[in-house]
Amino acid sequence: MTGSTRRRVLAGLGAAATGALAGCSGDGPEGDVQVGPGGANAFDPEEHTVGVGGTVTWVFASPNHNVSGVPDHSPRTSIPDGTDPFASYGVDGSPNETAEQGSTFEHTFETPGEYTYVCIPHVRQGMVGTIVVEE
């Protein structure tokens, strides 16, 4: 293999490794979920996986959204039995309260299972997300 061929192969492998790592950035024990990216009524990613003890940070990319993992506030919300609800507005706050653009909300997941959460103002438009917590 010539020097220039070797450099091209190594450059290609480096680019492939960089791309693979970029794709894994949200799958570690912690990660970010964009809320309303580009003004959309969506969570990105819609489904996110963390390990037990992992912290998820929701980043409010546009205004007029919230995060609700409170089953009493929406029939679309579900959390594993025996776990505490979570919400960007506080579990005792108003479900219609929204977060400011650029703000964040964090929650640490201690119990394995599937957590389905919503944006209360946009749940009818399908703004539903899922956090899967694995052991």
Foldseek 3Di string as FASTA:
>chain_A
DDPVVVVVVVVVVVVVVVVVVVVCQQAEQEHEWEQCAVNDREIVPQEGEHEAQRKYKYADQAWQWWKWQACVLDVQWDDDPPDDIDIPQGNPGDLRDIDHHGDMDMDTHHDFDKTKIATNVCVVVPHIGIYGYHD
